[in-house]
Amino acid sequence: MTQPDRRGDERAQLLGFLDYYRSQIIDKVEGITEEQARWKPAETANSLGAIVNHLARVEHWWFHAVFAGKPFELHRDRQDPLYDFHSAYSLPLAQMVERYQAECERSRGIVAAAPSLDAMSANPDREVNLRWILLHMLEETARHAGHMDITRELIDGTVER
């Protein structure tokens, strides 16, 4: 896992930190079983798999649907606002990891094509610039990586993955 560039410009540092935390998400699920991927430390908590599934959906939402203005392509259940967490319990971990990695790669491509951090989203219902989306995704991914740290330690004692 590579640490973000300490001397890069704002864009390079934002992307570096986001990619650092994206890699943390994958590291947190390395070597666990399907049963462990579904285990929740508390009734209201989320499993490791559910967090991976959720982060794939938010990558897709913010970069593909909001910033690029493309149709939201992942299934959603408007009756269940936590669908991305709940649906994870019926999906294999490898599928969720693969989808997350694919969405991160698509997000990287969308960001690379953007002229600047000040570029505005193409979705008229969500007027935000790319900088805001990157900061939000950095916060979202880092927060969930912290949740995953605790859950993974409770599962098998693994820390600092």
Foldseek 3Di string as FASTA:
>chain_A
DDQQDPPDDPVSRLVRLLVVLLVLLVVLCPPDDLVQQQDAPDPPGFGSQLLLQVLLQLLCCLQVCWAAVDDRDDDDDPVDPSCSRVVSNVDGSVVSNVSSVVSVVVSVVSVVPDPDQQRFGPHPVDTDGNVVSSVVSSVSSVVVSVVSQVSSCVSPNDHDD
